Amino acid sequence: MNGRIVLLILGMSLMTYIPRALPAVVIDRLRFSPKAEKFLRLIPYTAMAALIFPGIIAVDGNHPEIGLAGGVAAGILAWLKCPVIVCVAAAIGMDMLIYSVF
């Protein structure tokens, strides 16, 4: 029984690893158009926005403006091409500042 579980875990690990590793190996051999390259470069930013936005809204149910202020601060700094850590620190600082007021 334990051998079957280990085999199942190894099989599932392999099946999740292949789709992640294959693009990293193949991507160097492919050439994309400039539009496709720009699209591919923007995917991480859109994924992060999709992951972060619900958190901005749900920071404090009674005061949603706290999360929105932090999101706006991070967005402005990101627009100005500040490093990610600066954007995160500014968002946290803004949230802490506004949260202390409420």
PDB file of N, CA and C in Angstrom:
ATOM      1  N   MET A   1       0.820  -1.196   0.000  1.00  0.00           N
ATOM      2  CA  MET A   1       0.000   0.000   0.000  1.00  0.00           C
ATOM      3  C   MET A   1       0.863   1.259   0.000  1.00  0.00           C
ATOM      4  N   ASN A   2       1.897   1.320   0.843  1.00  0.00           N
ATOM      5  CA  ASN A   2       2.751   2.508   0.908  1.00  0.00           C
ATOM      6  C   ASN A   2       3.523   2.716  -0.387  1.00  0.00           C
ATOM      7  N   GLY A   3       3.928   1.633  -1.038  1.00  0.00           N
ATOM      8  CA  GLY A   3       4.641   1.740  -2.304  1.00  0.00           C
ATOM      9  C   GLY A   3       3.783   2.369  -3.384  1.00  0.00           C
ATOM     10  N   ARG A   4       2.493   2.056  -3.367  1.00  0.00           N
ATOM     11  CA  ARG A   4       1.572   2.630  -4.353  1.00  0.00           C
ATOM     12  C   ARG A   4       1.384   4.128  -4.101  1.00  0.00           C
ATOM     13  N   ILE A   5       1.372   4.516  -2.849  1.00  0.00           N
ATOM     14  CA  ILE A   5       1.217   5.936  -2.526  1.00  0.00           C
ATOM     15  C   ILE A   5       2.451   6.712  -2.966  1.00  0.00           C
ATOM     16  N   VAL A   6       3.628   6.157  -2.698  1.00  0.00           N
ATOM     17  CA  VAL A   6       4.878   6.814  -3.116  1.00  0.00           C
ATOM     18  C   VAL A   6       4.915   6.915  -4.631  1.00  0.00           C
ATOM     19  N   LEU A   7       4.528   5.856  -5.331  1.00  0.00           N
ATOM     20  CA  LEU A   7       4.493   5.870  -6.795  1.00  0.00           C
ATOM     21  C   LEU A   7       3.496   6.916  -7.297  1.00  0.00           C
ATOM     22  N   LEU A   8       2.363   7.027  -6.649  1.00  0.00           N
ATOM     23  CA  LEU A   8       1.363   8.020  -7.016  1.00  0.00           C
ATOM     24  C   LEU A   8       1.912   9.436  -6.817  1.00  0.00           C
ATOM     25  N   ILE A   9       2.580   9.673  -5.708  1.00  0.00           N
ATOM     26  CA  ILE A   9       3.167  10.987  -5.436  1.00  0.00           C
ATOM     27  C   ILE A   9       4.244  11.318  -6.464  1.00  0.00           C
ATOM     28  N   LEU A  10       5.088  10.358  -6.785  1.00  0.00           N
ATOM     29  CA  LEU A  10       6.128  10.591  -7.796  1.00  0.00           C
ATOM     30  C   LEU A  10       5.517  10.873  -9.162  1.00  0.00           C
ATOM     31  N   GLY A  11       4.478  10.149  -9.517  1.00  0.00           N
ATOM     32  CA  GLY A  11       3.803  10.379 -10.796  1.00  0.00           C
ATOM     33  C   GLY A  11       3.177  11.760 -10.868  1.00  0.00           C
ATOM     34  N   MET A  12       2.513  12.161  -9.792  1.00  0.00           N
ATOM     35  CA  MET A  12       1.911  13.495  -9.774  1.00  0.00           C
ATOM     36  C   MET A  12       2.977  14.578  -9.812  1.00  0.00           C
ATOM     37  N   SER A  13       4.098  14.349  -9.124  1.00  0.00           N
ATOM     38  CA  SER A  13       5.194  15.322  -9.152  1.00  0.00           C
ATOM     39  C   SER A  13       5.731  15.484 -10.565  1.00  0.00           C
ATOM     40  N   LEU A  14       5.911  14.384 -11.255  1.00  0.00           N
ATOM     41  CA  LEU A  14       6.412  14.421 -12.627  1.00  0.00           C
ATOM     42  C   LEU A  14       5.432  15.145 -13.546  1.00  0.00           C
ATOM     43  N   MET A  15       4.145  14.886 -13.365  1.00  0.00           N
ATOM     44  CA  MET A  15       3.149  15.499 -14.239  1.00  0.00           C
ATOM     45  C   MET A  15       2.994  16.999 -13.984  1.00  0.00           C
ATOM     46  N   THR A  16       3.319  17.468 -12.807  1.00  0.00           N
ATOM     47  CA  THR A  16       3.281  18.913 -12.579  1.00  0.00           C
ATOM     48  C   THR A  16       4.614  19.570 -12.937  1.00  0.00           C
ATOM     49  N   TYR A  17       5.700  18.806 -12.894  1.00  0.00           N
ATOM     50  CA  TYR A  17       7.011  19.367 -13.212  1.00  0.00           C
ATOM     51  C   TYR A  17       7.193  19.565 -14.719  1.00  0.00           C
ATOM     52  N   ILE A  18       6.722  18.622 -15.511  1.00  0.00           N
ATOM     53  CA  ILE A  18       6.929  18.681 -16.963  1.00  0.00           C
ATOM     54  C   ILE A  18       6.359  19.959 -17.575  1.00  0.00           C
ATOM     55  N   PRO A  19       5.093  20.330 -17.308  1.00  0.00           N
ATOM     56  CA  PRO A  19       4.599  21.570 -17.925  1.00  0.00           C
ATOM     57  C   PRO A  19       5.319  22.824 -17.448  1.00  0.00           C
ATOM     58  N   ARG A  20       5.959  22.766 -16.302  1.00  0.00           N
ATOM     59  CA  ARG A  20       6.701  23.932 -15.815  1.00  0.00           C
ATOM     60  C   ARG A  20       8.114  23.981 -16.393  1.00  0.00           C
ATOM     61  N   ALA A  21       8.730  22.838 -16.557  1.00  0.00           N
ATOM     62  CA  ALA A  21      10.113  22.793 -17.032  1.00  0.00           C
ATOM     63  C   ALA A  21      10.203  22.868 -18.552  1.00  0.00           C
ATOM     64  N   LEU A  22       9.232  22.316 -19.244  1.00  0.00           N
ATOM     65  CA  LEU A  22       9.286  22.276 -20.700  1.00  0.00           C
ATOM     66  C   LEU A  22       9.388  23.654 -21.337  1.00  0.00           C
ATOM     67  N   PRO A  23       8.584  24.630 -20.931  1.00  0.00           N
ATOM     68  CA  PRO A  23       8.748  25.957 -21.539  1.00  0.00           C
ATOM     69  C   PRO A  23      10.123  26.568 -21.283  1.00  0.00           C
ATOM     70  N   ALA A  24      10.693  26.326 -20.126  1.00  0.00           N
ATOM     71  CA  ALA A  24      12.016  26.881 -19.828  1.00  0.00           C
ATOM     72  C   ALA A  24      13.076  26.295 -20.752  1.00  0.00           C
ATOM     73  N   VAL A  25      12.905  25.054 -21.140  1.00  0.00           N
ATOM     74  CA  VAL A  25      13.875  24.402 -22.021  1.00  0.00           C
ATOM     75  C   VAL A  25      13.641  24.793 -23.471  1.00  0.00           C
ATOM     76  N   VAL A  26      12.400  24.866 -23.890  1.00  0.00           N
ATOM     77  CA  VAL A  26      12.060  25.088 -25.293  1.00  0.00           C
ATOM     78  C   VAL A  26      12.076  26.566 -25.666  1.00  0.00           C
ATOM     79  N   ILE A  27      11.826  27.446 -24.727  1.00  0.00           N
ATOM     80  CA  ILE A  27      11.641  28.863 -25.030  1.00  0.00           C
ATOM     81  C   ILE A  27      12.876  29.495 -25.678  1.00  0.00           C
ATOM     82  N   ASP A  28      14.067  29.012 -25.354  1.00  0.00           N
ATOM     83  CA  ASP A  28      15.281  29.575 -25.951  1.00  0.00           C
ATOM     84  C   ASP A  28      15.386  29.272 -27.440  1.00  0.00           C
ATOM     85  N   ARG A  29      14.744  28.229 -27.880  1.00  0.00           N
ATOM     86  CA  ARG A  29      14.831  27.833 -29.290  1.00  0.00           C
ATOM     87  C   ARG A  29      13.780  28.508 -30.155  1.00  0.00           C
ATOM     88  N   LEU A  30      12.771  29.078 -29.543  1.00  0.00           N
ATOM     89  CA  LEU A  30      11.690  29.707 -30.292  1.00  0.00           C
ATOM     90  C   LEU A  30      11.936  31.196 -30.455  1.00  0.00           C
ATOM     91  N   ARG A  31      11.489  31.717 -31.566  1.00  0.00           N
ATOM     92  CA  ARG A  31      11.565  33.156 -31.823  1.00  0.00           C
ATOM     93  C   ARG A  31      10.136  33.669 -31.970  1.00  0.00           C
ATOM     94  N   PHE A  32       9.833  34.723 -31.246  1.00  0.00           N
ATOM     95  CA  PHE A  32       8.504  35.303 -31.276  1.00  0.00           C
ATOM     96  C   PHE A  32       8.542  36.663 -31.933  1.00  0.00           C
ATOM     97  N   SER A  33       7.376  37.091 -32.391  1.00  0.00           N
ATOM     98  CA  SER A  33       7.273  38.440 -32.944  1.00  0.00           C
ATOM     99  C   SER A  33       7.407  39.444 -31.800  1.00  0.00           C
ATOM    100  N   PRO A  34       7.734  40.693 -32.115  1.00  0.00           N
ATOM    101  CA  PRO A  34       7.858  41.696 -31.043  1.00  0.00           C
ATOM    102  C   PRO A  34       6.580  41.843 -30.211  1.00  0.00           C
ATOM    103  N   LYS A  35       5.401  41.740 -30.849  1.00  0.00           N
ATOM    104  CA  LYS A  35       4.148  41.844 -30.101  1.00  0.00           C
ATOM    105  C   LYS A  35       3.991  40.665 -29.142  1.00  0.00           C
ATOM    106  N   ALA A  36       4.343  39.465 -29.599  1.00  0.00           N
ATOM    107  CA  ALA A  36       4.230  38.283 -28.734  1.00  0.00           C
ATOM    108  C   ALA A  36       5.219  38.380 -27.572  1.00  0.00           C
ATOM    109  N   GLU A  37       6.420  38.871 -27.833  1.00  0.00           N
ATOM    110  CA  GLU A  37       7.404  39.033 -26.766  1.00  0.00           C
ATOM    111  C   GLU A  37       6.931  40.046 -25.731  1.00  0.00           C
ATOM    112  N   LYS A  38       6.329  41.140 -26.189  1.00  0.00           N
ATOM    113  CA  LYS A  38       5.805  42.132 -25.252  1.00  0.00           C
ATOM    114  C   LYS A  38       4.680  41.524 -24.413  1.00  0.00           C
ATOM    115  N   PHE A  39       3.802  40.761 -25.066  1.00  0.00           N
ATOM    116  CA  PHE A  39       2.711  40.090 -24.354  1.00  0.00           C
ATOM    117  C   PHE A  39       3.255  39.147 -23.293  1.00  0.00           C
ATOM    118  N   LEU A  40       4.266  38.354 -23.640  1.00  0.00           N
ATOM    119  CA  LEU A  40       4.845  37.406 -22.695  1.00  0.00           C
ATOM    120  C   LEU A  40       5.545  38.117 -21.537  1.00  0.00           C
ATOM    121  N   ARG A  41       6.149  39.268 -21.803  1.00  0.00           N
ATOM    122  CA  ARG A  41       6.803  40.028 -20.731  1.00  0.00           C
ATOM    123  C   ARG A  41       5.790  40.620 -19.758  1.00  0.00           C
ATOM    124  N   LEU A  42       4.568  40.864 -20.207  1.00  0.00           N
ATOM    125  CA  LEU A  42       3.552  41.484 -19.353  1.00  0.00           C
ATOM    126  C   LEU A  42       2.764  40.472 -18.516  1.00  0.00           C
ATOM    127  N   ILE A  43       2.885  39.200 -18.804  1.00  0.00           N
ATOM    128  CA  ILE A  43       2.128  38.186 -18.068  1.00  0.00           C
ATOM    129  C   ILE A  43       2.408  38.214 -16.567  1.00  0.00           C
ATOM    130  N   PRO A  44       3.665  38.293 -16.106  1.00  0.00           N
ATOM    131  CA  PRO A  44       3.881  38.321 -14.652  1.00  0.00           C
ATOM    132  C   PRO A  44       3.199  39.502 -13.967  1.00  0.00           C
ATOM    133  N   TYR A  45       3.178  40.663 -14.615  1.00  0.00           N
ATOM    134  CA  TYR A  45       2.547  41.832 -14.014  1.00  0.00           C
ATOM    135  C   TYR A  45       1.038  41.645 -13.906  1.00  0.00           C
ATOM    136  N   THR A  46       0.430  41.096 -14.949  1.00  0.00           N
ATOM    137  CA  THR A  46      -1.016  40.898 -14.894  1.00  0.00           C
ATOM    138  C   THR A  46      -1.382  39.817 -13.883  1.00  0.00           C
ATOM    139  N   ALA A  47      -0.554  38.795 -13.776  1.00  0.00           N
ATOM    140  CA  ALA A  47      -0.819  37.752 -12.781  1.00  0.00           C
ATOM    141  C   ALA A  47      -0.705  38.319 -11.371  1.00  0.00           C
ATOM    142  N   MET A  48       0.297  39.134 -11.123  1.00  0.00           N
ATOM    143  CA  MET A  48       0.447  39.739  -9.802  1.00  0.00           C
ATOM    144  C   MET A  48      -0.733  40.667  -9.490  1.00  0.00           C
ATOM    145  N   ALA A  49      -1.177  41.420 -10.478  1.00  0.00           N
ATOM    146  CA  ALA A  49      -2.318  42.306 -10.254  1.00  0.00           C
ATOM    147  C   ALA A  49      -3.566  41.495  -9.917  1.00  0.00           C
ATOM    148  N   ALA A  50      -3.760  40.387 -10.614  1.00  0.00           N
ATOM    149  CA  ALA A  50      -4.925  39.549 -10.337  1.00  0.00           C
ATOM    150  C   ALA A  50      -4.846  38.915  -8.954  1.00  0.00           C
ATOM    151  N   LEU A  51      -3.654  38.639  -8.477  1.00  0.00           N
ATOM    152  CA  LEU A  51      -3.500  38.061  -7.147  1.00  0.00           C
ATOM    153  C   LEU A  51      -3.606  39.116  -6.045  1.00  0.00           C
ATOM    154  N   ILE A  52      -3.139  40.314  -6.302  1.00  0.00           N
ATOM    155  CA  ILE A  52      -3.080  41.345  -5.278  1.00  0.00           C
ATOM    156  C   ILE A  52      -4.397  42.101  -5.131  1.00  0.00           C
ATOM    157  N   PHE A  53      -5.103  42.338  -6.219  1.00  0.00           N
ATOM    158  CA  PHE A  53      -6.304  43.186  -6.164  1.00  0.00           C
ATOM    159  C   PHE A  53      -7.352  42.709  -5.158  1.00  0.00           C
ATOM    160  N   PRO A  54      -7.678  41.416  -5.079  1.00  0.00           N
ATOM    161  CA  PRO A  54      -8.649  41.004  -4.052  1.00  0.00           C
ATOM    162  C   PRO A  54      -8.175  41.308  -2.636  1.00  0.00           C
ATOM    163  N   GLY A  55      -6.881  41.222  -2.394  1.00  0.00           N
ATOM    164  CA  GLY A  55      -6.345  41.564  -1.081  1.00  0.00           C
ATOM    165  C   GLY A  55      -6.467  43.035  -0.766  1.00  0.00           C
ATOM    166  N   ILE A  56      -6.336  43.866  -1.775  1.00  0.00           N
ATOM    167  CA  ILE A  56      -6.478  45.311  -1.576  1.00  0.00           C
ATOM    168  C   ILE A  56      -7.898  45.632  -1.126  1.00  0.00           C
ATOM    169  N   ILE A  57      -8.855  44.988  -1.746  1.00  0.00           N
ATOM    170  CA  ILE A  57     -10.258  45.240  -1.412  1.00  0.00           C
ATOM    171  C   ILE A  57     -10.615  44.691  -0.027  1.00  0.00           C
ATOM    172  N   ALA A  58      -9.999  43.584   0.372  1.00  0.00           N
ATOM    173  CA  ALA A  58     -10.394  42.889   1.601  1.00  0.00           C
ATOM    174  C   ALA A  58      -9.503  43.197   2.802  1.00  0.00           C
ATOM    175  N   VAL A  59      -8.694  44.239   2.765  1.00  0.00           N
ATOM    176  CA  VAL A  59      -7.810  44.550   3.893  1.00  0.00           C
ATOM    177  C   VAL A  59      -8.613  44.752   5.170  1.00  0.00           C
ATOM    178  N   ASP A  60      -9.616  45.602   5.093  1.00  0.00           N
ATOM    179  CA  ASP A  60     -10.473  45.879   6.250  1.00  0.00           C
ATOM    180  C   ASP A  60     -11.884  46.087   5.719  1.00  0.00           C
ATOM    181  N   GLY A  61     -12.788  45.194   6.113  1.00  0.00           N
ATOM    182  CA  GLY A  61     -14.153  45.258   5.605  1.00  0.00           C
ATOM    183  C   GLY A  61     -14.875  46.540   5.965  1.00  0.00           C
ATOM    184  N   ASN A  62     -14.545  47.115   7.112  1.00  0.00           N
ATOM    185  CA  ASN A  62     -15.201  48.349   7.542  1.00  0.00           C
ATOM    186  C   ASN A  62     -14.613  49.592   6.890  1.00  0.00           C
ATOM    187  N   HIS A  63     -13.347  49.509   6.481  1.00  0.00           N
ATOM    188  CA  HIS A  63     -12.666  50.663   5.889  1.00  0.00           C
ATOM    189  C   HIS A  63     -11.909  50.224   4.625  1.00  0.00           C
ATOM    190  N   PRO A  64     -12.599  50.033   3.505  1.00  0.00           N
ATOM    191  CA  PRO A  64     -11.916  49.596   2.281  1.00  0.00           C
ATOM    192  C   PRO A  64     -10.939  50.630   1.735  1.00  0.00           C
ATOM    193  N   GLU A  65     -11.088  51.889   2.166  1.00  0.00           N
ATOM    194  CA  GLU A  65     -10.174  52.929   1.674  1.00  0.00           C
ATOM    195  C   GLU A  65      -8.739  52.702   2.142  1.00  0.00           C
ATOM    196  N   ILE A  66      -8.561  51.927   3.201  1.00  0.00           N
ATOM    197  CA  ILE A  66      -7.200  51.637   3.676  1.00  0.00           C
ATOM    198  C   ILE A  66      -6.443  50.843   2.621  1.00  0.00           C
ATOM    199  N   GLY A  67      -7.053  49.780   2.152  1.00  0.00           N
ATOM    200  CA  GLY A  67      -6.411  48.966   1.122  1.00  0.00           C
ATOM    201  C   GLY A  67      -6.266  49.696  -0.190  1.00  0.00           C
ATOM    202  N   LEU A  68      -7.281  50.470  -0.535  1.00  0.00           N
ATOM    203  CA  LEU A  68      -7.213  51.221  -1.793  1.00  0.00           C
ATOM    204  C   LEU A  68      -6.087  52.246  -1.771  1.00  0.00           C
ATOM    205  N   ALA A  69      -5.875  52.900  -0.630  1.00  0.00           N
ATOM    206  CA  ALA A  69      -4.788  53.883  -0.533  1.00  0.00           C
ATOM    207  C   ALA A  69      -3.432  53.206  -0.700  1.00  0.00           C
ATOM    208  N   GLY A  70      -3.266  52.055  -0.072  1.00  0.00           N
ATOM    209  CA  GLY A  70      -2.016  51.315  -0.249  1.00  0.00           C
ATOM    210  C   GLY A  70      -1.819  50.868  -1.689  1.00  0.00           C
ATOM    211  N   GLY A  71      -2.901  50.413  -2.313  1.00  0.00           N
ATOM    212  CA  GLY A  71      -2.823  49.998  -3.718  1.00  0.00           C
ATOM    213  C   GLY A  71      -2.493  51.147  -4.644  1.00  0.00           C
ATOM    214  N   VAL A  72      -3.076  52.312  -4.368  1.00  0.00           N
ATOM    215  CA  VAL A  72      -2.786  53.495  -5.186  1.00  0.00           C
ATOM    216  C   VAL A  72      -1.330  53.914  -5.013  1.00  0.00           C
ATOM    217  N   ALA A  73      -0.843  53.901  -3.778  1.00  0.00           N
ATOM    218  CA  ALA A  73       0.560  54.261  -3.538  1.00  0.00           C
ATOM    219  C   ALA A  73       1.501  53.309  -4.276  1.00  0.00           C
ATOM    220  N   ALA A  74       1.224  52.015  -4.183  1.00  0.00           N
ATOM    221  CA  ALA A  74       2.064  51.036  -4.889  1.00  0.00           C
ATOM    222  C   ALA A  74       1.942  51.204  -6.398  1.00  0.00           C
ATOM    223  N   GLY A  75       0.734  51.488  -6.873  1.00  0.00           N
ATOM    224  CA  GLY A  75       0.537  51.662  -8.310  1.00  0.00           C
ATOM    225  C   GLY A  75       1.285  52.861  -8.867  1.00  0.00           C
ATOM    226  N   ILE A  76       1.254  53.954  -8.133  1.00  0.00           N
ATOM    227  CA  ILE A  76       1.975  55.156  -8.587  1.00  0.00           C
ATOM    228  C   ILE A  76       3.480  54.893  -8.638  1.00  0.00           C
ATOM    229  N   LEU A  77       3.994  54.257  -7.595  1.00  0.00           N
ATOM    230  CA  LEU A  77       5.439  53.967  -7.587  1.00  0.00           C
ATOM    231  C   LEU A  77       5.814  52.949  -8.659  1.00  0.00           C
ATOM    232  N   ALA A  78       4.936  51.997  -8.916  1.00  0.00           N
ATOM    233  CA  ALA A  78       5.206  51.029  -9.994  1.00  0.00           C
ATOM    234  C   ALA A  78       5.193  51.739 -11.339  1.00  0.00           C
ATOM    235  N   TRP A  79       4.271  52.693 -11.514  1.00  0.00           N
ATOM    236  CA  TRP A  79       4.202  53.469 -12.755  1.00  0.00           C
ATOM    237  C   TRP A  79       5.489  54.263 -12.963  1.00  0.00           C
ATOM    238  N   LEU A  80       6.080  54.711 -11.857  1.00  0.00           N
ATOM    239  CA  LEU A  80       7.343  55.451 -11.923  1.00  0.00           C
ATOM    240  C   LEU A  80       8.561  54.531 -12.014  1.00  0.00           C
ATOM    241  N   LYS A  81       8.288  53.232 -12.140  1.00  0.00           N
ATOM    242  CA  LYS A  81       9.315  52.196 -12.317  1.00  0.00           C
ATOM    243  C   LYS A  81      10.230  52.045 -11.105  1.00  0.00           C
ATOM    244  N   CYS A  82       9.664  52.200  -9.918  1.00  0.00           N
ATOM    245  CA  CYS A  82      10.412  51.944  -8.688  1.00  0.00           C
ATOM    246  C   CYS A  82      10.559  50.438  -8.503  1.00  0.00           C
ATOM    247  N   PRO A  83      11.571  50.000  -7.785  1.00  0.00           N
ATOM    248  CA  PRO A  83      11.716  48.567  -7.517  1.00  0.00           C
ATOM    249  C   PRO A  83      10.500  48.019  -6.754  1.00  0.00           C
ATOM    250  N   VAL A  84      10.247  46.741  -6.924  1.00  0.00           N
ATOM    251  CA  VAL A  84       9.077  46.109  -6.311  1.00  0.00           C
ATOM    252  C   VAL A  84       9.096  46.264  -4.798  1.00  0.00           C
ATOM    253  N   ILE A  85      10.254  46.113  -4.187  1.00  0.00           N
ATOM    254  CA  ILE A  85      10.326  46.204  -2.733  1.00  0.00           C
ATOM    255  C   ILE A  85       9.938  47.605  -2.256  1.00  0.00           C
ATOM    256  N   VAL A  86      10.251  48.624  -3.034  1.00  0.00           N
ATOM    257  CA  VAL A  86       9.865  49.992  -2.679  1.00  0.00           C
ATOM    258  C   VAL A  86       8.352  50.142  -2.772  1.00  0.00           C
ATOM    259  N   CYS A  87       7.751  49.572  -3.811  1.00  0.00           N
ATOM    260  CA  CYS A  87       6.295  49.630  -3.959  1.00  0.00           C
ATOM    261  C   CYS A  87       5.597  48.922  -2.803  1.00  0.00           C
ATOM    262  N   VAL A  88       6.096  47.757  -2.448  1.00  0.00           N
ATOM    263  CA  VAL A  88       5.496  46.993  -1.347  1.00  0.00           C
ATOM    264  C   VAL A  88       5.650  47.753  -0.031  1.00  0.00           C
ATOM    265  N   ALA A  89       6.846  48.261   0.221  1.00  0.00           N
ATOM    266  CA  ALA A  89       7.087  48.996   1.469  1.00  0.00           C
ATOM    267  C   ALA A  89       6.219  50.245   1.547  1.00  0.00           C
ATOM    268  N   ALA A  90       6.053  50.942   0.437  1.00  0.00           N
ATOM    269  CA  ALA A  90       5.210  52.141   0.430  1.00  0.00           C
ATOM    270  C   ALA A  90       3.754  51.782   0.683  1.00  0.00           C
ATOM    271  N   ALA A  91       3.291  50.697   0.091  1.00  0.00           N
ATOM    272  CA  ALA A  91       1.906  50.264   0.304  1.00  0.00           C
ATOM    273  C   ALA A  91       1.677  49.895   1.769  1.00  0.00           C
ATOM    274  N   ILE A  92       2.617  49.176   2.345  1.00  0.00           N
ATOM    275  CA  ILE A  92       2.502  48.801   3.759  1.00  0.00           C
ATOM    276  C   ILE A  92       2.537  50.048   4.641  1.00  0.00           C
ATOM    277  N   GLY A  93       3.466  50.944   4.353  1.00  0.00           N
ATOM    278  CA  GLY A  93       3.561  52.181   5.126  1.00  0.00           C
ATOM    279  C   GLY A  93       2.296  53.020   5.029  1.00  0.00           C
ATOM    280  N   MET A  94       1.739  53.122   3.834  1.00  0.00           N
ATOM    281  CA  MET A  94       0.504  53.887   3.647  1.00  0.00           C
ATOM    282  C   MET A  94      -0.643  53.242   4.414  1.00  0.00           C
ATOM    283  N   ASP A  95      -0.737  51.926   4.327  1.00  0.00           N
ATOM    284  CA  ASP A  95      -1.794  51.222   5.061  1.00  0.00           C
ATOM    285  C   ASP A  95      -1.644  51.406   6.568  1.00  0.00           C
ATOM    286  N   MET A  96      -0.425  51.322   7.059  1.00  0.00           N
ATOM    287  CA  MET A  96      -0.199  51.501   8.489  1.00  0.00           C
ATOM    288  C   MET A  96      -0.547  52.931   8.924  1.00  0.00           C
ATOM    289  N   LEU A  97      -0.168  53.896   8.110  1.00  0.00           N
ATOM    290  CA  LEU A  97      -0.453  55.294   8.426  1.00  0.00           C
ATOM    291  C   LEU A  97      -1.964  55.546   8.481  1.00  0.00           C
ATOM    292  N   ILE A  98      -2.671  55.107   7.469  1.00  0.00           N
ATOM    293  CA  ILE A  98      -4.113  55.329   7.432  1.00  0.00           C
ATOM    294  C   ILE A  98      -4.828  54.497   8.481  1.00  0.00           C
ATOM    295  N   TYR A  99      -4.342  53.275   8.728  1.00  0.00           N
ATOM    296  CA  TYR A  99      -4.967  52.423   9.728  1.00  0.00           C
ATOM    297  C   TYR A  99      -4.831  53.029  11.124  1.00  0.00           C
ATOM    298  N   SER A 100      -3.740  53.736  11.379  1.00  0.00           N
ATOM    299  CA  SER A 100      -3.571  54.368  12.693  1.00  0.00           C
ATOM    300  C   SER A 100      -4.546  55.524  12.894  1.00  0.00           C
ATOM    301  N   VAL A 101      -5.013  56.120  11.809  1.00  0.00           N
ATOM    302  CA  VAL A 101      -5.986  57.194  11.893  1.00  0.00           C
ATOM    303  C   VAL A 101      -7.353  56.648  12.292  1.00  0.00           C
ATOM    304  N   PHE A 102      -7.695  55.458  11.739  1.00  0.00           N
ATOM    305  CA  PHE A 102      -8.987  54.849  12.055  1.00  0.00           C
ATOM    306  C   PHE A 102      -8.838  54.102  13.337  1.00  0.00           C
TER     307      PHE A 102
END
